[in-house]
């Protein structure tokens, strides 16, 4: 399966947002 750089970037942003919100209740 081919994954584009844009999809990887969006995925990383999603993971980062989920990760930070899990530890920062202000978000």
N, C-alpha and C. Protein backbone atom coordinates (compact mmCIF):
# COMPACT_ATOMS: atom_id res chain seq x y z
N UNK A 1 0.85 -1.20 0.00
CA UNK A 1 0.00 0.00 0.00
C UNK A 1 0.88 1.25 0.00
N UNK A 2 0.59 2.16 -0.90
CA UNK A 2 1.38 3.38 -1.02
C UNK A 2 0.79 4.48 -0.13
N UNK A 3 1.62 5.06 0.69
CA UNK A 3 1.18 6.14 1.57
C UNK A 3 1.95 7.41 1.20
N UNK A 4 1.21 8.47 0.93
CA UNK A 4 1.85 9.71 0.51
C UNK A 4 2.42 10.45 1.71
N UNK A 5 3.33 11.37 1.43
CA UNK A 5 3.96 12.14 2.51
C UNK A 5 2.92 12.98 3.23
N UNK A 6 1.92 13.47 2.48
CA UNK A 6 0.88 14.29 3.09
C UNK A 6 0.07 13.47 4.09
N UNK A 7 -0.25 12.24 3.74
CA UNK A 7 -1.03 11.39 4.64
C UNK A 7 -0.24 11.10 5.91
N UNK A 8 1.07 10.87 5.77
CA UNK A 8 1.92 10.63 6.93
C UNK A 8 1.95 11.87 7.82
N UNK A 9 2.03 13.05 7.20
CA UNK A 9 2.08 14.30 7.94
C UNK A 9 0.78 14.51 8.73
N UNK A 10 -0.34 14.29 8.08
CA UNK A 10 -1.65 14.44 8.74
C UNK A 10 -1.78 13.44 9.88
N UNK A 11 -1.30 12.24 9.65
CA UNK A 11 -1.38 11.20 10.68
C UNK A 11 -0.55 11.59 11.90
N UNK A 12 0.65 12.13 11.65
CA UNK A 12 1.50 12.55 12.75
C UNK A 12 0.86 13.70 13.53
N UNK A 13 0.23 14.63 12.82
CA UNK A 13 -0.44 15.74 13.49
C UNK A 13 -1.59 15.23 14.35
N UNK A 14 -2.33 14.23 13.84
CA UNK A 14 -3.46 13.66 14.58
C UNK A 14 -2.97 12.96 15.84
N UNK A 15 -1.91 12.17 15.70
CA UNK A 15 -1.34 11.48 16.85
C UNK A 15 -0.83 12.49 17.88
N UNK A 16 -0.16 13.53 17.41
CA UNK A 16 0.38 14.55 18.32
C UNK A 16 -0.75 15.25 19.06
N UNK A 17 -1.83 15.56 18.37
CA UNK A 17 -2.95 16.25 19.01
C UNK A 17 -3.62 15.36 20.05
N UNK A 18 -3.77 14.08 19.72
CA UNK A 18 -4.37 13.14 20.67
C UNK A 18 -3.46 12.96 21.88
N UNK A 19 -2.15 12.90 21.64
CA UNK A 19 -1.18 12.67 22.70
C UNK A 19 -1.12 13.86 23.65
N UNK A 20 -1.09 15.07 23.10
CA UNK A 20 -0.99 16.26 23.94
C UNK A 20 -2.29 16.50 24.69
N UNK A 21 -3.43 16.28 24.06
CA UNK A 21 -4.71 16.51 24.73
C UNK A 21 -4.92 15.51 25.86
N UNK A 22 -4.30 14.36 25.76
CA UNK A 22 -4.43 13.34 26.80
C UNK A 22 -3.73 13.78 28.08
N UNK A 23 -2.71 14.63 27.93
CA UNK A 23 -1.94 15.07 29.09
C UNK A 23 -2.17 16.55 29.43
N UNK A 24 -2.92 17.26 28.58
CA UNK A 24 -3.18 18.68 28.83
C UNK A 24 -4.69 18.93 28.79
N UNK A 25 -5.36 18.95 29.94
CA UNK A 25 -6.82 19.11 29.99
C UNK A 25 -7.30 20.47 29.50
N UNK A 26 -6.37 21.41 29.33
CA UNK A 26 -6.78 22.74 28.85
C UNK A 26 -7.15 22.71 27.37
N UNK A 27 -6.63 21.74 26.64
CA UNK A 27 -6.89 21.70 25.20
C UNK A 27 -8.29 21.21 24.92
